[in-house]
């Protein structure tokens, strides 16, 4: 096989792998239209959080080492300031192993950036319950406790504003 055919073959395989690896981002979540699993968690400040039907909720699954998550956190803080003190509950869940060191790392991350949205470590397998396969991963739950939207790979401020306005009604 000559070099140009080999290069063309490798380019084709590369783009096929890239496309195939990205298609799952377009697939709907298996949770949409189903009840959101109950959540019992402790925030970094030690406050218990119990989320159950009746409370519109935005869950964010993230990690301190995830570049897109770090980029999205200021957006989440902004929409939390708009909607989080009203009818919509927020919880940002760090998906790393909930060790003492991780709690300190997440606390430092949140404090350095002056975030006020509630943050918890994933101590009860929430990421698994919510079928998190990539981060950032956002889940919107309506008043009836049903998952109405899942954002794989994050969301823009405009997308969140639109979704949260409909939840807040």
Protein backbone atom coordinates (compact mmCIF):
# COMPACT_ATOMS: atom_id res chain seq x y z
CA UNK A 1 0.00 0.00 0.00
CA UNK A 2 1.46 3.35 -0.95
CA UNK A 3 1.80 6.21 1.53
CA UNK A 4 -1.10 8.30 0.18
CA UNK A 5 -3.58 5.37 0.36
CA UNK A 6 -2.36 4.52 3.87
CA UNK A 7 -2.77 8.16 4.98
CA UNK A 8 -6.27 8.28 3.48
CA UNK A 9 -7.18 5.05 5.26
CA UNK A 10 -5.90 6.36 8.62
CA UNK A 11 -7.75 9.67 8.15
CA UNK A 12 -10.94 7.77 7.38
CA UNK A 13 -10.57 5.54 10.42
CA UNK A 14 -9.75 8.52 12.62
CA UNK A 15 -12.87 10.45 11.55
CA UNK A 16 -15.06 7.34 11.83
CA UNK A 17 -13.82 6.80 15.40
CA UNK A 18 -14.30 10.48 16.21
CA UNK A 19 -17.84 10.51 14.85
CA UNK A 20 -18.75 7.19 16.45
CA UNK A 21 -17.33 8.30 19.79
CA UNK A 22 -19.42 11.47 19.70
CA UNK A 23 -22.75 10.04 18.61
CA UNK A 24 -23.71 9.05 22.15
CA UNK A 25 -23.86 12.79 22.98
CA UNK A 26 -26.84 13.07 20.63
CA UNK A 27 -28.73 10.08 22.00
CA UNK A 28 -31.52 10.79 24.48
CA UNK A 29 -31.03 9.74 28.07
CA UNK A 30 -32.88 6.68 29.30
CA UNK A 31 -34.01 8.71 32.32
CA UNK A 32 -36.06 11.32 30.45
CA UNK A 33 -39.74 10.78 31.19
CA UNK A 34 -39.01 8.60 34.21
CA UNK A 35 -38.99 9.46 37.92
CA UNK A 36 -35.67 10.81 39.13
CA UNK A 37 -34.07 8.60 41.78
CA UNK A 38 -34.31 10.04 45.30
CA UNK A 39 -31.31 11.94 46.53
CA UNK A 40 -29.92 11.95 50.02
CA UNK A 41 -26.63 13.80 50.28
CA UNK A 42 -24.56 16.06 52.50
CA UNK A 43 -23.28 19.33 51.15
CA UNK A 44 -19.66 20.31 51.74
CA UNK A 45 -20.89 22.42 54.66
CA UNK A 46 -22.54 19.35 56.20
CA UNK A 47 -26.12 20.33 55.38
CA UNK A 48 -28.36 17.36 54.53
CA UNK A 49 -30.04 17.48 51.14
CA UNK A 50 -33.07 15.33 50.44
CA UNK A 51 -34.59 15.84 47.04
CA UNK A 52 -37.89 14.20 46.31
CA UNK A 53 -40.92 14.83 44.06
CA UNK A 54 -42.47 18.26 44.39
CA UNK A 55 -39.22 20.19 44.09
CA UNK A 56 -38.02 21.22 40.64
CA UNK A 57 -34.32 20.44 40.65
CA UNK A 58 -31.17 20.95 38.61
CA UNK A 59 -28.44 18.41 39.30
CA UNK A 60 -24.95 18.94 37.98
CA UNK A 61 -22.44 16.09 37.95
CA UNK A 62 -18.88 17.38 37.63
CA UNK A 63 -15.26 17.07 38.81
CA UNK A 64 -12.50 19.52 39.70
CA UNK A 65 -10.15 18.01 37.09
CA UNK A 66 -12.68 18.29 34.22
CA UNK A 67 -11.95 21.27 31.95
CA UNK A 68 -15.50 21.58 30.55
CA UNK A 69 -16.89 21.27 34.10
CA UNK A 70 -14.64 24.08 35.32
CA UNK A 71 -15.78 26.23 32.39
CA UNK A 72 -19.42 25.48 33.14
CA UNK A 73 -19.34 26.20 36.89
CA UNK A 74 -19.53 30.03 36.54
CA UNK A 75 -22.58 29.53 34.30
CA UNK A 76 -24.18 27.31 36.94
CA UNK A 77 -23.41 29.88 39.62
CA UNK A 78 -25.05 32.58 37.48
CA UNK A 79 -28.25 30.60 36.93
CA UNK A 80 -28.22 29.58 40.60
CA UNK A 81 -28.24 33.27 41.51
CA UNK A 82 -31.28 33.76 39.22
CA UNK A 83 -33.29 30.64 40.08
CA UNK A 84 -31.77 28.87 43.10
CA UNK A 85 -33.34 31.05 45.76
CA UNK A 86 -36.83 30.36 44.50
CA UNK A 87 -38.71 27.33 43.36
CA UNK A 88 -35.78 25.44 41.78
CA UNK A 89 -33.33 23.43 43.91
CA UNK A 90 -29.71 23.07 42.80
CA UNK A 91 -27.09 20.51 43.68
CA UNK A 92 -23.64 20.17 42.11
CA UNK A 93 -22.32 16.65 42.74
CA UNK A 94 -18.58 15.98 42.50
CA UNK A 95 -18.26 12.49 40.99
CA UNK A 96 -14.84 11.57 42.42
CA UNK A 97 -14.29 9.10 45.24
CA UNK A 98 -15.60 10.82 48.40
CA UNK A 99 -12.39 10.81 50.45
CA UNK A 100 -11.29 13.36 53.03
CA UNK A 101 -8.69 14.66 50.57
CA UNK A 102 -11.31 15.03 47.85
CA UNK A 103 -13.63 16.91 50.21
CA UNK A 104 -10.77 19.34 50.93
CA UNK A 105 -9.93 19.71 47.21
CA UNK A 106 -13.56 20.39 46.27
CA UNK A 107 -14.02 22.80 49.19
CA UNK A 108 -10.91 24.71 48.15
CA UNK A 109 -12.07 24.78 44.51
CA UNK A 110 -15.48 26.18 45.50
CA UNK A 111 -14.09 28.72 47.98
CA UNK A 112 -11.40 30.05 45.63
CA UNK A 113 -14.05 30.76 43.00
CA UNK A 114 -16.61 32.15 45.47
CA UNK A 115 -19.34 29.73 44.37
CA UNK A 116 -22.43 29.68 46.55
CA UNK A 117 -24.43 26.90 44.89
CA UNK A 118 -24.78 23.77 47.04
CA UNK A 119 -22.04 21.21 46.35
CA UNK A 120 -21.88 17.61 47.54
CA UNK A 121 -19.60 14.63 47.06
CA UNK A 122 -21.10 11.54 45.43
CA UNK A 123 -21.29 9.40 48.57
CA UNK A 124 -24.37 7.39 47.69
CA UNK A 125 -23.75 6.42 44.08
CA UNK A 126 -25.80 9.28 42.65
CA UNK A 127 -23.84 9.32 39.38
CA UNK A 128 -24.70 5.67 38.84
CA UNK A 129 -28.36 6.19 39.75
CA UNK A 130 -28.55 9.08 37.27
CA UNK A 131 -26.73 7.13 34.53
CA UNK A 132 -23.86 9.60 34.30
CA UNK A 133 -21.51 8.48 31.56
CA UNK A 134 -19.74 11.76 30.88
CA UNK A 135 -19.21 15.03 32.68
CA UNK A 136 -20.40 17.69 32.85
CA UNK A 137 -23.81 16.07 33.05
CA UNK A 138 -26.91 18.07 33.98
CA UNK A 139 -30.31 16.65 34.92
CA UNK A 140 -33.54 18.66 35.18
CA UNK A 141 -36.34 17.26 37.33
CA UNK A 142 -39.84 18.76 37.35
CA UNK A 143 -42.32 19.22 40.22
CA UNK A 144 -43.73 15.75 39.66
CA UNK A 145 -40.27 14.27 40.18
CA UNK A 146 -39.89 13.33 36.51
CA UNK A 147 -36.63 13.80 34.62
CA UNK A 148 -37.50 16.21 31.81
CA UNK A 149 -34.09 17.00 30.32
CA UNK A 150 -30.52 15.73 30.42
CA UNK A 151 -27.59 17.74 29.09
CA UNK A 152 -24.62 15.53 28.21
CA UNK A 153 -21.41 17.55 28.09
CA UNK A 154 -22.88 20.67 29.65
CA UNK A 155 -25.24 23.48 28.67
CA UNK A 156 -25.05 27.17 27.84
CA UNK A 157 -26.51 29.88 30.04
CA UNK A 158 -29.26 30.49 27.46
CA UNK A 159 -30.21 26.78 27.41
CA UNK A 160 -30.33 26.65 31.20
CA UNK A 161 -32.30 29.92 31.45
CA UNK A 162 -34.92 28.58 29.06
CA UNK A 163 -35.19 25.21 30.79
CA UNK A 164 -35.26 26.70 34.31
CA UNK A 165 -37.88 29.32 33.40
CA UNK A 166 -40.23 26.53 32.34
CA UNK A 167 -39.45 24.63 35.58
CA UNK A 168 -40.03 27.66 37.78
CA UNK A 169 -43.60 28.21 36.50
